[in-house]
Amino acid sequence: MRISGSGLRRLGFWTVAALATAIALTSYRYLLPGPPFPAPGPLANRWTHLGVLTAHAAFAATALLVGSFQFVAAVRTNHPSIHRRLGTVYVFCALAGGVAGLALSTGVSSGPVAGAGFGLLALAWMATTFAAWRLARARDLVRHRRWMIRSFALCLAAVTLRLYLPLSQIAGLPFERAYAAIAWICWLPNLAIAELVLNWRGMFARPAAPRPV
């Protein structure tokens, strides 16, 4: 049985949405006292004892949870008020989670390379989210959607990070080096893929035939 291009896109979208939902729900464990199965890297962060990790987990997980549904056309078209409210939740949580993530990036235990990767991720996430919000306020919905795609691609770093970490351990890579690399590759390829998706039609469109003089 062949699957059409639109069918593949839907399958890809709902796969990403399912992964985002699963990661978001499991991340809420950091809101519990003595969270079960805590990751050693975040717990070793120098700011964890101040509640910064808890704040980051709460806000970033909520942004990840609601973000996928902002791209469901039926919600945008048939329930615009729900779309706007979820959008407000996403923007607030993304900005708050980004601030907490930026703070955490200054206290990583894996060295300055990892800290720089996570710090730039936090800044890029906040910048793209703010741009999307500003364009929505200006009613420039086409550009708003493009910046939301970039923002959510960066939000999905929470998913790709959790895919790369076990793969790096299966490959037998030293944790410190793997974590430093993953601090960058968990989000840079996501952003590159988002740009490819945004420019896909333009890249493969046939050039217009020259007009006769």
N, C-alpha and C. Protein backbone atom coordinates (compact mmCIF):
# COMPACT_ATOMS: atom_id res chain seq x y z
N MET A 1 0.85 -1.20 0.00
CA MET A 1 0.00 0.00 0.00
C MET A 1 0.88 1.25 0.00
N ARG A 2 0.65 2.10 -0.96
CA ARG A 2 1.41 3.34 -1.06
C ARG A 2 0.76 4.43 -0.22
N ILE A 3 1.61 5.26 0.38
CA ILE A 3 1.12 6.39 1.16
C ILE A 3 1.43 7.67 0.38
N SER A 4 0.42 8.51 0.24
CA SER A 4 0.60 9.75 -0.51
C SER A 4 1.52 10.70 0.23
N GLY A 5 1.96 11.75 -0.50
CA GLY A 5 2.81 12.75 0.13
C GLY A 5 2.13 13.42 1.31
N SER A 6 0.84 13.74 1.16
CA SER A 6 0.11 14.37 2.27
C SER A 6 -0.04 13.40 3.43
N GLY A 7 -0.20 12.10 3.11
CA GLY A 7 -0.28 11.09 4.16
C GLY A 7 1.01 10.98 4.93
N LEU A 8 2.13 11.04 4.22
CA LEU A 8 3.44 11.00 4.89
C LEU A 8 3.64 12.22 5.78
N ARG A 9 3.19 13.39 5.30
CA ARG A 9 3.32 14.61 6.12
C ARG A 9 2.49 14.48 7.40
N ARG A 10 1.27 13.95 7.27
CA ARG A 10 0.43 13.77 8.46
C ARG A 10 1.06 12.77 9.41
N LEU A 11 1.58 11.68 8.86
CA LEU A 11 2.23 10.68 9.70
C LEU A 11 3.43 11.28 10.43
N GLY A 12 4.23 12.05 9.69
CA GLY A 12 5.39 12.70 10.31
C GLY A 12 4.97 13.66 11.40
N PHE A 13 3.95 14.46 11.12
CA PHE A 13 3.50 15.44 12.11
C PHE A 13 3.02 14.76 13.38
N TRP A 14 2.16 13.74 13.25
CA TRP A 14 1.62 13.10 14.44
C TRP A 14 2.66 12.28 15.17
N THR A 15 3.67 11.81 14.48
CA THR A 15 4.79 11.14 15.15
C THR A 15 5.54 12.13 16.03
N VAL A 16 5.83 13.31 15.45
CA VAL A 16 6.50 14.36 16.21
C VAL A 16 5.63 14.80 17.38
N ALA A 17 4.33 14.97 17.16
CA ALA A 17 3.42 15.39 18.23
C ALA A 17 3.38 14.36 19.35
N ALA A 18 3.38 13.07 19.00
CA ALA A 18 3.36 12.01 20.01
C ALA A 18 4.65 12.01 20.83
N LEU A 19 5.79 12.17 20.16
CA LEU A 19 7.07 12.23 20.88
C LEU A 19 7.13 13.45 21.80
N ALA A 20 6.67 14.59 21.27
CA ALA A 20 6.67 15.82 22.08
C ALA A 20 5.80 15.66 23.31
N THR A 21 4.63 15.05 23.14
CA THR A 21 3.72 14.85 24.27
C THR A 21 4.34 13.92 25.31
N ALA A 22 4.95 12.83 24.84
CA ALA A 22 5.56 11.87 25.76
C ALA A 22 6.70 12.50 26.55
N ILE A 23 7.56 13.25 25.85
CA ILE A 23 8.69 13.89 26.54
C ILE A 23 8.19 14.94 27.52
N ALA A 24 7.18 15.72 27.12
CA ALA A 24 6.64 16.75 28.01
C ALA A 24 6.08 16.13 29.28
N LEU A 25 5.28 15.07 29.14
CA LEU A 25 4.67 14.46 30.32
C LEU A 25 5.71 13.84 31.24
N THR A 26 6.73 13.21 30.67
CA THR A 26 7.77 12.62 31.53
C THR A 26 8.64 13.70 32.18
N SER A 27 8.74 14.86 31.54
CA SER A 27 9.55 15.94 32.12
C SER A 27 8.90 16.54 33.35
N TYR A 28 7.60 16.38 33.49
CA TYR A 28 6.92 16.92 34.67
C TYR A 28 7.36 16.22 35.95
N ARG A 29 8.10 15.12 35.82
CA ARG A 29 8.57 14.44 37.03
C ARG A 29 9.48 15.33 37.85
N TYR A 30 10.12 16.32 37.20
CA TYR A 30 11.01 17.21 37.94
C TYR A 30 10.26 18.18 38.85
N LEU A 31 8.94 18.20 38.74
CA LEU A 31 8.15 19.01 39.64
C LEU A 31 7.87 18.29 40.95
N LEU A 32 8.17 16.99 40.99
CA LEU A 32 7.92 16.18 42.18
C LEU A 32 9.13 16.25 43.12
N PRO A 33 8.90 16.13 44.42
CA PRO A 33 10.05 16.03 45.34
C PRO A 33 10.75 14.69 45.15
N GLY A 34 12.06 14.74 44.94
CA GLY A 34 12.80 13.51 44.68
C GLY A 34 12.31 12.83 43.41
N PRO A 35 12.46 13.50 42.24
CA PRO A 35 11.89 12.96 41.00
C PRO A 35 12.44 11.59 40.67
N PRO A 36 11.57 10.67 40.19
CA PRO A 36 12.05 9.34 39.81
C PRO A 36 12.88 9.40 38.53
N PHE A 37 13.92 8.58 38.47
CA PHE A 37 14.79 8.48 37.30
C PHE A 37 15.31 9.84 36.83
N PRO A 38 15.88 10.65 37.71
CA PRO A 38 16.40 11.96 37.28
C PRO A 38 17.64 11.79 36.42
N ALA A 39 17.81 12.69 35.43
CA ALA A 39 19.00 12.66 34.59
C ALA A 39 20.17 13.23 35.38
N PRO A 40 21.34 12.57 35.35
CA PRO A 40 22.46 13.05 36.16
C PRO A 40 23.00 14.40 35.73
N GLY A 41 22.98 14.69 34.43
CA GLY A 41 23.51 15.97 33.95
C GLY A 41 22.79 17.17 34.53
N PRO A 42 21.46 17.27 34.36
CA PRO A 42 20.74 18.42 34.92
C PRO A 42 20.84 18.51 36.44
N LEU A 43 20.84 17.38 37.12
CA LEU A 43 20.92 17.43 38.58
C LEU A 43 22.27 17.96 39.05
N ALA A 44 23.31 17.80 38.23
CA ALA A 44 24.64 18.29 38.60
C ALA A 44 24.80 19.78 38.34
N ASN A 45 23.80 20.40 37.71
CA ASN A 45 23.89 21.83 37.43
C ASN A 45 23.95 22.63 38.72
N ARG A 46 24.77 23.66 38.73
CA ARG A 46 24.99 24.42 39.96
C ARG A 46 23.76 25.19 40.43
N TRP A 47 22.77 25.39 39.53
CA TRP A 47 21.59 26.17 39.91
C TRP A 47 20.38 25.29 40.22
N THR A 48 20.54 23.98 40.16
CA THR A 48 19.40 23.09 40.39
C THR A 48 18.80 23.28 41.77
N HIS A 49 19.64 23.47 42.77
CA HIS A 49 19.13 23.58 44.14
C HIS A 49 18.33 24.85 44.37
N LEU A 50 18.42 25.81 43.45
CA LEU A 50 17.65 27.04 43.56
C LEU A 50 16.28 26.95 42.88
N GLY A 51 15.98 25.80 42.33
CA GLY A 51 14.68 25.60 41.68
C GLY A 51 14.64 26.00 40.22
N VAL A 52 15.80 26.33 39.65
CA VAL A 52 15.82 26.76 38.24
C VAL A 52 15.48 25.59 37.32
N LEU A 53 15.99 24.40 37.65
CA LEU A 53 15.66 23.23 36.83
C LEU A 53 14.17 22.92 36.88
N THR A 54 13.58 23.05 38.06
CA THR A 54 12.14 22.80 38.20
C THR A 54 11.35 23.79 37.35
N ALA A 55 11.74 25.07 37.39
CA ALA A 55 11.05 26.08 36.60
C ALA A 55 11.21 25.80 35.10
N HIS A 56 12.43 25.46 34.70
CA HIS A 56 12.66 25.17 33.29
C HIS A 56 11.83 23.97 32.83
N ALA A 57 11.81 22.92 33.65
CA ALA A 57 11.04 21.73 33.29
C ALA A 57 9.56 22.05 33.17
N ALA A 58 9.04 22.84 34.11
CA ALA A 58 7.61 23.16 34.09
C ALA A 58 7.23 23.96 32.86
N PHE A 59 7.97 25.03 32.60
CA PHE A 59 7.60 25.92 31.49
C PHE A 59 7.91 25.29 30.14
N ALA A 60 9.09 24.70 29.99
CA ALA A 60 9.47 24.13 28.69
C ALA A 60 8.61 22.93 28.35
N ALA A 61 8.28 22.10 29.35
CA ALA A 61 7.43 20.94 29.08
C ALA A 61 6.03 21.38 28.64
N THR A 62 5.51 22.43 29.26
CA THR A 62 4.19 22.93 28.87
C THR A 62 4.21 23.50 27.46
N ALA A 63 5.26 24.23 27.12
CA ALA A 63 5.39 24.74 25.75
C ALA A 63 5.46 23.58 24.76
N LEU A 64 6.20 22.55 25.10
CA LEU A 64 6.32 21.38 24.22
C LEU A 64 4.98 20.67 24.08
N LEU A 65 4.22 20.62 25.17
CA LEU A 65 2.94 19.92 25.17
C LEU A 65 1.91 20.60 24.28
N VAL A 66 1.81 21.92 24.38
CA VAL A 66 0.78 22.64 23.62
C VAL A 66 1.25 23.05 22.23
N GLY A 67 2.57 23.06 22.00
CA GLY A 67 3.09 23.59 20.75
C GLY A 67 2.62 22.84 19.51
N SER A 68 2.59 21.51 19.58
CA SER A 68 2.20 20.72 18.40
C SER A 68 0.81 21.09 17.91
N PHE A 69 -0.10 21.30 18.85
CA PHE A 69 -1.49 21.52 18.49
C PHE A 69 -1.74 22.89 17.87
N GLN A 70 -0.75 23.78 17.94
CA GLN A 70 -0.87 25.07 17.27
C GLN A 70 -0.79 24.92 15.75
N PHE A 71 -0.31 23.78 15.28
CA PHE A 71 -0.17 23.57 13.84
C PHE A 71 -1.29 22.70 13.27
N VAL A 72 -2.27 22.36 14.08
CA VAL A 72 -3.42 21.61 13.60
C VAL A 72 -4.37 22.58 12.91
N ALA A 73 -4.55 22.41 11.61
CA ALA A 73 -5.36 23.35 10.83
C ALA A 73 -6.80 23.42 11.33
N ALA A 74 -7.36 22.29 11.76
CA ALA A 74 -8.75 22.29 12.22
C ALA A 74 -8.92 23.16 13.46
N VAL A 75 -7.93 23.18 14.33
CA VAL A 75 -8.01 24.02 15.52
C VAL A 75 -7.92 25.49 15.13
N ARG A 76 -6.94 25.82 14.25
CA ARG A 76 -6.79 27.22 13.84
C ARG A 76 -8.04 27.74 13.13
N THR A 77 -8.64 26.90 12.29
CA THR A 77 -9.76 27.34 11.46
C THR A 77 -11.08 27.34 12.22
N ASN A 78 -11.35 26.23 12.92
CA ASN A 78 -12.66 26.05 13.55
C ASN A 78 -12.72 26.57 14.98
N HIS A 79 -11.58 26.69 15.63
CA HIS A 79 -11.57 27.13 17.03
C HIS A 79 -10.47 28.17 17.22
N PRO A 80 -10.59 29.33 16.57
CA PRO A 80 -9.52 30.34 16.65
C PRO A 80 -9.25 30.83 18.06
N SER A 81 -10.29 30.88 18.91
CA SER A 81 -10.07 31.35 20.28
C SER A 81 -9.19 30.38 21.05
N ILE A 82 -9.38 29.08 20.83
CA ILE A 82 -8.53 28.07 21.48
C ILE A 82 -7.11 28.21 20.96
N HIS A 83 -6.97 28.43 19.65
CA HIS A 83 -5.64 28.61 19.07
C HIS A 83 -4.92 29.80 19.70
N ARG A 84 -5.64 30.90 19.87
CA ARG A 84 -5.02 32.10 20.46
C ARG A 84 -4.64 31.86 21.92
N ARG A 85 -5.52 31.19 22.67
CA ARG A 85 -5.22 30.96 24.08
C ARG A 85 -4.04 30.00 24.25
N LEU A 86 -4.03 28.94 23.46
CA LEU A 86 -2.88 28.03 23.52
C LEU A 86 -1.61 28.74 23.07
N GLY A 87 -1.76 29.64 22.09
CA GLY A 87 -0.61 30.41 21.64
C GLY A 87 -0.06 31.29 22.73
N THR A 88 -0.95 31.90 23.50
CA THR A 88 -0.51 32.73 24.63
C THR A 88 0.24 31.89 25.66
N VAL A 89 -0.30 30.70 25.94
CA VAL A 89 0.36 29.79 26.89
C VAL A 89 1.74 29.41 26.35
N TYR A 90 1.80 29.08 25.06
CA TYR A 90 3.08 28.67 24.47
C TYR A 90 4.11 29.79 24.56
N VAL A 91 3.72 31.00 24.18
CA VAL A 91 4.67 32.12 24.18
C VAL A 91 5.17 32.39 25.59
N PHE A 92 4.26 32.45 26.56
CA PHE A 92 4.68 32.72 27.93
C PHE A 92 5.63 31.63 28.44
N CYS A 93 5.25 30.37 28.21
CA CYS A 93 6.08 29.27 28.71
C CYS A 93 7.41 29.18 27.97
N ALA A 94 7.41 29.49 26.68
CA ALA A 94 8.66 29.45 25.92
C ALA A 94 9.63 30.52 26.41
N LEU A 95 9.10 31.73 26.65
CA LEU A 95 9.97 32.80 27.13
C LEU A 95 10.47 32.52 28.55
N ALA A 96 9.56 32.07 29.42
CA ALA A 96 9.96 31.76 30.80
C ALA A 96 10.91 30.56 30.83
N GLY A 97 10.60 29.53 30.03
CA GLY A 97 11.48 28.37 29.96
C GLY A 97 12.82 28.71 29.36
N GLY A 98 12.83 29.65 28.41
CA GLY A 98 14.09 30.09 27.81
C GLY A 98 14.96 30.83 28.81
N VAL A 99 14.34 31.69 29.61
CA VAL A 99 15.11 32.40 30.64
C VAL A 99 15.72 31.41 31.63
N ALA A 100 14.93 30.44 32.07
CA ALA A 100 15.45 29.43 32.99
C ALA A 100 16.53 28.59 32.32
N GLY A 101 16.33 28.26 31.05
CA GLY A 101 17.35 27.49 30.32
C GLY A 101 18.64 28.26 30.16
N LEU A 102 18.52 29.57 29.93
CA LEU A 102 19.72 30.40 29.83
C LEU A 102 20.49 30.42 31.14
N ALA A 103 19.75 30.51 32.24
CA ALA A 103 20.40 30.46 33.56
C ALA A 103 21.09 29.11 33.77
N LEU A 104 20.41 28.04 33.41
CA LEU A 104 21.00 26.71 33.57
C LEU A 104 22.26 26.54 32.72
N SER A 105 22.29 27.20 31.57
CA SER A 105 23.45 27.05 30.68
C SER A 105 24.73 27.59 31.31
N THR A 106 24.58 28.47 32.28
CA THR A 106 25.77 29.03 32.94
C THR A 106 26.26 28.13 34.08
N GLY A 107 25.51 27.07 34.37
CA GLY A 107 25.90 26.22 35.48
C GLY A 107 26.07 24.76 35.12
N VAL A 108 26.22 24.46 33.81
CA VAL A 108 26.37 23.06 33.40
C VAL A 108 27.69 22.50 33.93
N SER A 109 27.67 21.21 34.20
CA SER A 109 28.86 20.55 34.75
C SER A 109 29.72 19.94 33.65
N SER A 110 29.31 20.08 32.38
CA SER A 110 30.02 19.43 31.28
C SER A 110 30.95 20.37 30.53
N GLY A 111 31.16 21.57 31.05
CA GLY A 111 32.12 22.47 30.44
C GLY A 111 31.51 23.57 29.62
N PRO A 112 32.35 24.51 29.16
CA PRO A 112 31.85 25.70 28.46
C PRO A 112 31.27 25.42 27.08
N VAL A 113 31.71 24.35 26.40
CA VAL A 113 31.16 24.05 25.08
C VAL A 113 29.68 23.68 25.19
N ALA A 114 29.37 22.81 26.15
CA ALA A 114 27.97 22.45 26.39
C ALA A 114 27.18 23.67 26.85
N GLY A 115 27.77 24.47 27.74
CA GLY A 115 27.08 25.66 28.23
C GLY A 115 26.76 26.63 27.11
N ALA A 116 27.71 26.82 26.19
CA ALA A 116 27.47 27.73 25.07
C ALA A 116 26.37 27.20 24.16
N GLY A 117 26.36 25.88 23.92
CA GLY A 117 25.33 25.29 23.06
C GLY A 117 23.94 25.48 23.63
N PHE A 118 23.78 25.17 24.91
CA PHE A 118 22.47 25.33 25.54
C PHE A 118 22.10 26.80 25.71
N GLY A 119 23.09 27.66 25.96
CA GLY A 119 22.80 29.08 26.09
C GLY A 119 22.30 29.68 24.79
N LEU A 120 22.95 29.35 23.68
CA LEU A 120 22.50 29.86 22.38
C LEU A 120 21.14 29.29 22.00
N LEU A 121 20.89 28.04 22.37
CA LEU A 121 19.57 27.45 22.14
C LEU A 121 18.50 28.27 22.86
N ALA A 122 18.75 28.60 24.13
CA ALA A 122 17.77 29.38 24.89
C ALA A 122 17.53 30.74 24.25
N LEU A 123 18.61 31.40 23.84
CA LEU A 123 18.46 32.72 23.21
C LEU A 123 17.71 32.63 21.89
N ALA A 124 18.05 31.64 21.07
CA ALA A 124 17.37 31.47 19.78
C ALA A 124 15.90 31.15 19.97
N TRP A 125 15.58 30.32 20.96
CA TRP A 125 14.19 29.96 21.23
C TRP A 125 13.39 31.19 21.65
N MET A 126 13.96 31.98 22.53
CA MET A 126 13.25 33.19 22.97
C MET A 126 13.11 34.19 21.82
N ALA A 127 14.14 34.34 21.01
CA ALA A 127 14.10 35.32 19.92
C ALA A 127 13.06 34.94 18.87
N THR A 128 13.04 33.67 18.48
CA THR A 128 12.07 33.24 17.46
C THR A 128 10.64 33.30 18.01
N THR A 129 10.47 32.97 19.28
CA THR A 129 9.14 33.02 19.88
C THR A 129 8.64 34.47 19.97
N PHE A 130 9.53 35.37 20.38
CA PHE A 130 9.13 36.78 20.47
C PHE A 130 8.78 37.33 19.09
N ALA A 131 9.56 36.95 18.07
CA ALA A 131 9.25 37.41 16.71
C ALA A 131 7.89 36.90 16.27
N ALA A 132 7.59 35.63 16.57
CA ALA A 132 6.29 35.07 16.20
C ALA A 132 5.16 35.80 16.91
N TRP A 133 5.34 36.08 18.19
CA TRP A 133 4.31 36.80 18.95
C TRP A 133 4.10 38.21 18.41
N ARG A 134 5.19 38.91 18.11
CA ARG A 134 5.08 40.28 17.60
C ARG A 134 4.34 40.31 16.27
N LEU A 135 4.61 39.34 15.40
CA LEU A 135 3.94 39.29 14.10
C LEU A 135 2.47 38.93 14.24
N ALA A 136 2.15 38.09 15.23
CA ALA A 136 0.74 37.77 15.47
C ALA A 136 -0.01 39.02 15.93
N ARG A 137 0.63 39.80 16.79
CA ARG A 137 0.01 41.05 17.26
C ARG A 137 -0.20 42.03 16.11
N ALA A 138 0.70 41.98 15.12
CA ALA A 138 0.59 42.86 13.96
C ALA A 138 -0.34 42.29 12.89
N ARG A 139 -0.91 41.11 13.15
CA ARG A 139 -1.82 40.42 12.22
C ARG A 139 -1.12 40.01 10.93
N ASP A 140 0.20 39.86 10.99
CA ASP A 140 0.95 39.34 9.85
C ASP A 140 1.03 37.83 10.03
N LEU A 141 -0.05 37.12 9.71
CA LEU A 141 -0.19 35.73 10.08
C LEU A 141 0.71 34.80 9.27
N VAL A 142 1.03 35.18 8.04
CA VAL A 142 1.90 34.33 7.21
C VAL A 142 3.30 34.28 7.83
N ARG A 143 3.85 35.43 8.12
CA ARG A 143 5.18 35.46 8.74
C ARG A 143 5.15 34.95 10.17
N HIS A 144 4.04 35.18 10.86
CA HIS A 144 3.89 34.63 12.21
C HIS A 144 4.03 33.12 12.20
N ARG A 145 3.38 32.45 11.25
CA ARG A 145 3.44 31.00 11.19
C ARG A 145 4.87 30.52 10.89
N ARG A 146 5.57 31.24 10.03
CA ARG A 146 6.95 30.86 9.70
C ARG A 146 7.85 30.93 10.94
N TRP A 147 7.67 31.97 11.73
CA TRP A 147 8.51 32.09 12.93
C TRP A 147 8.09 31.12 14.02
N MET A 148 6.82 30.76 14.03
CA MET A 148 6.38 29.74 14.98
C MET A 148 6.97 28.38 14.62
N ILE A 149 7.10 28.10 13.35
CA ILE A 149 7.74 26.85 12.93
C ILE A 149 9.18 26.81 13.43
N ARG A 150 9.88 27.93 13.28
CA ARG A 150 11.26 27.99 13.78
C ARG A 150 11.29 27.83 15.30
N SER A 151 10.38 28.50 15.99
CA SER A 151 10.35 28.42 17.45
C SER A 151 10.10 26.99 17.91
N PHE A 152 9.12 26.33 17.30
CA PHE A 152 8.80 24.99 17.76
C PHE A 152 9.88 23.98 17.36
N ALA A 153 10.57 24.24 16.25
CA ALA A 153 11.71 23.38 15.89
C ALA A 153 12.77 23.43 16.99
N LEU A 154 12.97 24.60 17.57
CA LEU A 154 13.91 24.74 18.67
C LEU A 154 13.36 24.12 19.95
N CYS A 155 12.07 24.24 20.17
CA CYS A 155 11.44 23.60 21.32
C CYS A 155 11.62 22.09 21.26
N LEU A 156 11.61 21.53 20.05
CA LEU A 156 11.78 20.09 19.87
C LEU A 156 13.19 19.61 20.18
N ALA A 157 14.09 20.53 20.52
CA ALA A 157 15.40 20.11 21.00
C ALA A 157 15.27 19.22 22.23
N ALA A 158 14.19 19.41 23.00
CA ALA A 158 13.96 18.56 24.16
C ALA A 158 13.75 17.10 23.74
N VAL A 159 13.17 16.90 22.56
CA VAL A 159 12.95 15.55 22.05
C VAL A 159 14.23 14.98 21.46
N THR A 160 14.88 15.75 20.58
CA THR A 160 16.07 15.21 19.92
C THR A 160 17.20 14.98 20.92
N LEU A 161 17.31 15.81 21.95
CA LEU A 161 18.32 15.58 22.98
C LEU A 161 18.13 14.22 23.62
N ARG A 162 16.88 13.87 23.91
CA ARG A 162 16.59 12.61 24.58
C ARG A 162 16.69 11.41 23.64
N LEU A 163 16.72 11.66 22.35
CA LEU A 163 16.99 10.59 21.40
C LEU A 163 18.50 10.37 21.24
N TYR A 164 19.24 11.48 21.22
CA TYR A 164 20.69 11.38 21.00
C TYR A 164 21.43 10.83 22.22
N LEU A 165 20.97 11.17 23.42
CA LEU A 165 21.70 10.73 24.62
C LEU A 165 21.81 9.21 24.72
N PRO A 166 20.72 8.45 24.63
CA PRO A 166 20.88 6.99 24.70
C PRO A 166 21.66 6.42 23.52
N LEU A 167 21.51 7.03 22.34
CA LEU A 167 22.26 6.56 21.17
C LEU A 167 23.76 6.75 21.39
N SER A 168 24.14 7.87 22.02
CA SER A 168 25.56 8.11 22.28
C SER A 168 26.11 7.09 23.26
N GLN A 169 25.29 6.69 24.23
CA GLN A 169 25.73 5.70 25.20
C GLN A 169 25.82 4.31 24.58
N ILE A 170 24.88 4.00 23.69
CA ILE A 170 24.93 2.72 22.97
C ILE A 170 26.19 2.65 22.12
N ALA A 171 26.55 3.81 21.54
CA ALA A 171 27.76 3.87 20.71
C ALA A 171 29.04 3.84 21.54
N GLY A 172 28.90 3.92 22.85
CA GLY A 172 30.07 3.86 23.73
C GLY A 172 30.86 5.15 23.80
N LEU A 173 30.24 6.28 23.49
CA LEU A 173 30.94 7.57 23.55
C LEU A 173 31.05 8.05 24.99
N PRO A 174 32.16 8.68 25.36
CA PRO A 174 32.28 9.25 26.72
C PRO A 174 31.18 10.28 26.95
N PHE A 175 30.55 10.22 28.11
CA PHE A 175 29.38 11.07 28.37
C PHE A 175 29.70 12.55 28.24
N GLU A 176 30.84 12.98 28.81
CA GLU A 176 31.16 14.40 28.80
C GLU A 176 31.27 14.94 27.38
N ARG A 177 31.99 14.20 26.51
CA ARG A 177 32.15 14.65 25.12
C ARG A 177 30.83 14.57 24.36
N ALA A 178 30.10 13.49 24.58
CA ALA A 178 28.82 13.33 23.88
C ALA A 178 27.85 14.44 24.28
N TYR A 179 27.81 14.77 25.57
CA TYR A 179 26.87 15.78 26.06
C TYR A 179 27.22 17.15 25.49
N ALA A 180 28.51 17.44 25.38
CA ALA A 180 28.94 18.72 24.81
C ALA A 180 28.52 18.83 23.35
N ALA A 181 28.63 17.73 22.60
CA ALA A 181 28.22 17.74 21.19
C ALA A 181 26.70 17.83 21.06
N ILE A 182 26.00 17.08 21.91
CA ILE A 182 24.54 17.05 21.83
C ILE A 182 23.94 18.40 22.19
N ALA A 183 24.65 19.18 23.01
CA ALA A 183 24.18 20.54 23.33
C ALA A 183 24.02 21.39 22.08
N TRP A 184 24.70 21.03 21.02
CA TRP A 184 24.61 21.75 19.74
C TRP A 184 23.75 21.01 18.72
N ILE A 185 23.96 19.70 18.59
CA ILE A 185 23.25 18.98 17.53
C ILE A 185 21.80 18.66 17.90
N CYS A 186 21.40 18.94 19.16
CA CYS A 186 19.99 18.73 19.50
C CYS A 186 19.11 19.83 18.92
N TRP A 187 19.72 20.96 18.46
CA TRP A 187 18.87 22.04 17.95
C TRP A 187 19.30 22.62 16.62
N LEU A 188 20.59 22.61 16.29
CA LEU A 188 21.00 23.17 15.00
C LEU A 188 20.40 22.42 13.81
N PRO A 189 20.43 21.07 13.79
CA PRO A 189 19.76 20.38 12.67
C PRO A 189 18.25 20.63 12.64
N ASN A 190 17.63 20.75 13.81
CA ASN A 190 16.19 21.06 13.85
C ASN A 190 15.89 22.37 13.13
N LEU A 191 16.72 23.38 13.41
CA LEU A 191 16.51 24.68 12.79
C LEU A 191 16.79 24.61 11.29
N ALA A 192 17.79 23.84 10.90
CA ALA A 192 18.10 23.68 9.48
C ALA A 192 16.95 22.99 8.75
N ILE A 193 16.37 21.97 9.37
CA ILE A 193 15.23 21.27 8.76
C ILE A 193 14.04 22.20 8.64
N ALA A 194 13.81 23.02 9.66
CA ALA A 194 12.71 23.98 9.59
C ALA A 194 12.89 24.94 8.42
N GLU A 195 14.12 25.40 8.20
CA GLU A 195 14.37 26.30 7.07
C GLU A 195 14.15 25.59 5.74
N LEU A 196 14.53 24.32 5.66
CA LEU A 196 14.30 23.55 4.43
C LEU A 196 12.81 23.41 4.17
N VAL A 197 12.04 23.13 5.23
CA VAL A 197 10.59 23.00 5.07
C VAL A 197 9.98 24.33 4.63
N LEU A 198 10.43 25.42 5.23
CA LEU A 198 9.87 26.73 4.90
C LEU A 198 10.19 27.14 3.48
N ASN A 199 11.33 26.68 2.95
CA ASN A 199 11.75 27.10 1.62
C ASN A 199 11.65 25.99 0.59
N TRP A 200 10.97 24.91 0.93
CA TRP A 200 10.92 23.73 0.06
C TRP A 200 10.35 24.06 -1.31
N ARG A 201 9.20 24.72 -1.33
CA ARG A 201 8.56 25.01 -2.62
C ARG A 201 9.40 25.96 -3.46
N GLY A 202 9.96 26.97 -2.80
CA GLY A 202 10.78 27.92 -3.54
C GLY A 202 12.04 27.29 -4.11
N MET A 203 12.60 26.30 -3.38
CA MET A 203 13.83 25.67 -3.84
C MET A 203 13.60 24.84 -5.10
N PHE A 204 12.42 24.24 -5.21
CA PHE A 204 12.17 23.33 -6.30
C PHE A 204 11.19 23.88 -7.35
N ALA A 205 10.79 25.13 -7.18
CA ALA A 205 9.90 25.75 -8.17
C ALA A 205 10.68 26.03 -9.45
N ARG A 206 10.04 25.82 -10.57
CA ARG A 206 10.67 26.12 -11.85
C ARG A 206 10.76 27.62 -12.06
N PRO A 207 11.86 28.10 -12.56
CA PRO A 207 11.96 29.54 -12.81
C PRO A 207 10.95 29.96 -13.87
N ALA A 208 10.44 31.15 -13.68
CA ALA A 208 9.46 31.66 -14.64
C ALA A 208 10.11 31.87 -16.01
N ALA A 209 9.35 31.59 -17.04
CA ALA A 209 9.87 31.78 -18.39
C ALA A 209 10.07 33.26 -18.66
N PRO A 210 11.16 33.62 -19.33
CA PRO A 210 11.41 35.04 -19.59
C PRO A 210 10.34 35.63 -20.50
N ARG A 211 9.97 36.84 -20.19
CA ARG A 211 8.98 37.52 -21.01
C ARG A 211 9.61 38.00 -22.31
N PRO A 212 8.85 37.91 -23.41
CA PRO A 212 9.38 38.43 -24.66
C PRO A 212 9.58 39.94 -24.61
N VAL A 213 10.66 40.40 -25.16
CA VAL A 213 10.95 41.84 -25.17
C VAL A 213 10.20 42.50 -26.30
